[in-house]
Amino acid sequence: MKNITELPKDLPIPIDDGACDHLLGQFLPSTVLFSTHGRRVDLSAISGHIVIYCYPMTGQPGIALPDTWDMIPGARGCTPQSCAFRDHYQELNELKTQVFGLSTQTTEYQMEAVSRLHLPFELLSDRDFKFAEMLKLPMFEVEGKKLIKRVTLIAEAAKILKCFYPVYPPDRNADEVIDWLRNNIV
């Protein structure tokens, strides 16, 4: 298996297919998501600024990714994206912004990533697709698994202020989020 913390040089670049054009100005749905901190989180109930980076799935050492994973535009890079948000966590805190990662993986699966990658923020499980379906987030399927395409939302008082889609390269997404917050919020 390839190193899951690095991005291959020849990844296909995702294109903006308009699948997130409807999100700006929408409100986050009121739905409870399970957190890797052992609590239930309703993102619509958070009054301050939040960043929700939605990703397909994190890889695990020793477990093969789907055979075609690197050929799916935007699929590869969940671990580097998570690590970038980890590395910029203090800056986001200084901007009074909470960070959440969100995927359709189970909380148990996500807990391994939180531990291994030393993530200081919560990952949220949308294993029932309620959040994704209520927002009509773009999805794709690989090897019989339905997954969320990579999209990052910035919201305040549940209203979506900014949507990053497609997110490429994923390891630079945290920098883009911080730049947007500094130029539009602070």
Protein backbone atom coordinates (compact mmCIF):
# COMPACT_ATOMS: atom_id res chain seq x y z
CA MET A 1 0.00 0.00 0.00
CA LYS A 2 1.16 3.52 -0.73
CA ASN A 3 1.95 6.01 2.02
CA ILE A 4 -1.48 7.36 3.00
CA THR A 5 -0.03 10.61 4.38
CA GLU A 6 1.37 11.69 1.01
CA LEU A 7 -0.40 12.59 -2.20
CA PRO A 8 0.78 10.97 -5.44
CA LYS A 9 1.97 13.48 -8.04
CA ASP A 10 -0.31 12.19 -10.82
CA LEU A 11 -3.72 12.38 -9.13
CA PRO A 12 -6.61 13.35 -11.41
CA ILE A 13 -7.86 16.84 -10.58
CA PRO A 14 -11.57 17.04 -9.70
CA ILE A 15 -13.71 19.49 -11.66
CA ASP A 16 -16.48 21.69 -10.33
CA ASP A 17 -19.62 19.93 -11.53
CA GLY A 18 -21.92 22.41 -9.79
CA ALA A 19 -22.99 19.83 -7.19
CA CYS A 20 -22.49 22.32 -4.33
CA ASP A 21 -23.84 25.48 -5.97
CA HIS A 22 -27.00 25.27 -3.86
CA LEU A 23 -25.21 25.29 -0.47
CA LEU A 24 -24.26 28.95 -0.02
CA GLY A 25 -26.78 30.59 2.31
CA GLN A 26 -28.39 27.27 3.28
CA PHE A 27 -28.74 26.30 6.92
CA LEU A 28 -27.12 23.21 8.39
CA PRO A 29 -29.72 20.53 9.08
CA SER A 30 -30.73 19.76 12.63
CA THR A 31 -29.53 16.20 12.95
CA VAL A 32 -27.49 14.44 15.61
CA LEU A 33 -24.11 13.01 14.61
CA PHE A 34 -21.95 10.73 16.73
CA SER A 35 -18.55 12.14 17.64
CA THR A 36 -15.19 10.57 18.30
CA HIS A 37 -15.28 12.37 21.68
CA GLY A 38 -18.20 10.17 22.73
CA ARG A 39 -20.89 12.77 22.40
CA ARG A 40 -23.74 13.63 20.07
CA VAL A 41 -23.33 16.79 18.05
CA ASP A 42 -25.99 18.86 16.29
CA LEU A 43 -24.00 21.25 14.09
CA SER A 44 -27.07 23.45 13.57
CA ALA A 45 -27.08 24.27 17.31
CA ILE A 46 -23.58 25.80 17.33
CA SER A 47 -23.78 29.58 17.29
CA GLY A 48 -20.18 30.49 16.44
CA HIS A 49 -18.06 29.88 13.37
CA ILE A 50 -17.48 26.28 12.42
CA VAL A 51 -15.58 24.49 9.69
CA ILE A 52 -16.88 21.12 8.56
CA TYR A 53 -14.60 19.31 6.18
CA CYS A 54 -16.47 16.42 4.62
CA TYR A 55 -14.30 13.66 3.20
CA PRO A 56 -14.84 10.22 1.65
CA MET A 57 -12.85 8.04 4.07
CA THR A 58 -9.54 7.86 5.84
CA GLY A 59 -7.23 5.01 5.03
CA GLN A 60 -5.69 2.77 7.66
CA PRO A 61 -2.20 1.29 7.61
CA GLY A 62 -2.34 -2.33 6.50
CA ILE A 63 -5.81 -2.05 4.96
CA ALA A 64 -5.90 -1.66 1.19
CA LEU A 65 -7.81 1.22 -0.32
CA PRO A 66 -10.17 0.38 -3.21
CA ASP A 67 -8.19 -0.61 -6.32
CA THR A 68 -9.37 2.42 -8.30
CA TRP A 69 -9.06 4.91 -5.42
CA ASP A 70 -6.25 7.01 -6.92
CA MET A 71 -8.11 7.25 -10.25
CA ILE A 72 -11.25 8.81 -8.72
CA PRO A 73 -10.85 12.60 -8.92
CA GLY A 74 -10.82 14.02 -5.39
CA ALA A 75 -10.94 10.70 -3.54
CA ARG A 76 -7.32 10.50 -2.38
CA GLY A 77 -6.13 12.84 0.37
CA CYS A 78 -8.34 12.40 3.43
CA THR A 79 -5.42 11.76 5.76
CA PRO A 80 -3.30 14.69 4.46
CA GLN A 81 -6.36 16.96 4.72
CA SER A 82 -7.01 15.87 8.31
CA CYS A 83 -3.34 16.38 9.20
CA ALA A 84 -3.40 19.89 7.70
CA PHE A 85 -6.40 20.83 9.86
CA ARG A 86 -4.57 19.32 12.84
CA ASP A 87 -1.45 21.36 12.07
CA HIS A 88 -3.50 24.59 11.77
CA TYR A 89 -5.79 23.85 14.70
CA GLN A 90 -4.27 26.55 16.92
CA GLU A 91 -4.72 29.20 14.20
CA LEU A 92 -8.34 28.21 13.77
CA ASN A 93 -8.86 28.41 17.54
CA GLU A 94 -7.37 31.91 17.51
CA LEU A 95 -9.94 32.77 14.83
CA LYS A 96 -12.64 31.49 17.23
CA THR A 97 -13.58 28.73 14.82
CA GLN A 98 -14.40 25.12 15.72
CA VAL A 99 -13.31 22.36 13.34
CA PHE A 100 -15.10 19.10 12.61
CA GLY A 101 -14.30 16.36 10.13
CA LEU A 102 -17.26 14.42 8.76
CA SER A 103 -17.50 11.16 6.84
CA THR A 104 -19.89 8.24 6.48
CA GLN A 105 -17.48 5.93 8.29
CA THR A 106 -18.49 4.60 11.69
CA THR A 107 -17.36 6.38 14.84
CA GLU A 108 -15.30 3.33 15.75
CA TYR A 109 -13.42 3.51 12.44
CA GLN A 110 -12.90 7.26 12.86
CA MET A 111 -11.55 6.82 16.39
CA GLU A 112 -8.57 4.90 15.00
CA ALA A 113 -7.73 7.87 12.75
CA VAL A 114 -8.11 10.37 15.61
CA SER A 115 -5.72 8.33 17.74
CA ARG A 116 -3.17 7.55 15.02
CA LEU A 117 -3.12 11.08 13.57
CA HIS A 118 -3.38 12.86 16.96
CA LEU A 119 -6.34 14.94 15.83
CA PRO A 120 -7.32 17.55 18.45
CA PHE A 121 -10.83 17.98 17.00
CA GLU A 122 -13.81 15.69 16.63
CA LEU A 123 -14.65 13.56 13.65
CA LEU A 124 -18.38 13.09 13.11
CA SER A 125 -20.05 10.02 11.68
CA ASP A 126 -22.86 10.45 9.16
CA ARG A 127 -23.13 6.70 8.68
CA ASP A 128 -26.88 6.98 8.04
CA PHE A 129 -26.32 9.73 5.41
CA LYS A 130 -28.86 12.03 7.13
CA PHE A 131 -26.63 15.12 7.14
CA ALA A 132 -25.37 14.48 3.59
CA GLU A 133 -28.83 13.80 2.19
CA MET A 134 -30.49 16.77 3.93
CA LEU A 135 -27.84 19.10 2.45
CA LYS A 136 -27.78 17.19 -0.85
CA LEU A 137 -24.00 16.82 -0.65
CA PRO A 138 -22.35 15.24 -3.68
CA MET A 139 -21.68 11.53 -3.33
CA PHE A 140 -19.93 8.79 -5.28
CA GLU A 141 -19.79 5.03 -5.09
CA VAL A 142 -16.80 2.70 -5.13
CA GLU A 143 -16.76 -1.04 -4.53
CA GLY A 144 -20.36 -0.88 -3.28
CA LYS A 145 -19.64 1.89 -0.75
CA LYS A 146 -21.46 5.21 -0.94
CA LEU A 147 -19.15 8.06 0.09
CA ILE A 148 -19.28 11.84 0.36
CA LYS A 149 -17.22 13.80 -2.13
CA ARG A 150 -14.73 16.14 -0.53
CA VAL A 151 -16.37 19.47 0.38
CA THR A 152 -15.57 21.98 3.13
CA LEU A 153 -18.19 24.25 4.66
CA ILE A 154 -17.77 27.34 6.82
CA ALA A 155 -20.88 28.25 8.79
CA GLU A 156 -21.93 30.71 11.46
CA ALA A 157 -25.09 30.17 13.52
CA ALA A 158 -25.85 27.22 11.21
CA LYS A 159 -25.82 29.35 8.03
CA ILE A 160 -23.35 28.28 5.35
CA LEU A 161 -21.14 31.27 4.51
CA LYS A 162 -18.58 29.57 2.29
CA CYS A 163 -18.30 26.27 0.44
CA PHE A 164 -15.03 24.90 -0.91
CA TYR A 165 -15.74 22.46 -3.75
CA PRO A 166 -14.00 20.75 -5.29
CA VAL A 167 -11.26 20.65 -2.68
CA TYR A 168 -7.92 20.22 -4.41
CA PRO A 169 -5.29 19.66 -3.33
CA PRO A 170 -6.75 18.48 -0.03
CA ASP A 171 -3.59 19.10 1.98
CA ARG A 172 -3.91 22.85 1.18
CA ASN A 173 -7.57 23.14 2.23
CA ALA A 174 -6.82 24.29 5.80
CA ASP A 175 -4.69 27.15 4.40
CA GLU A 176 -7.58 28.19 2.10
CA VAL A 177 -10.03 28.10 5.01
CA ILE A 178 -7.79 30.25 7.21
CA ASP A 179 -7.24 32.77 4.40
CA TRP A 180 -11.00 33.01 3.82
CA LEU A 181 -11.72 33.45 7.53
CA ARG A 182 -9.08 36.17 7.90
CA ASN A 183 -10.39 38.05 4.87
CA ASN A 184 -14.09 37.69 5.59
CA ILE A 185 -14.66 37.26 9.32
CA VAL A 186 -11.92 38.88 11.35
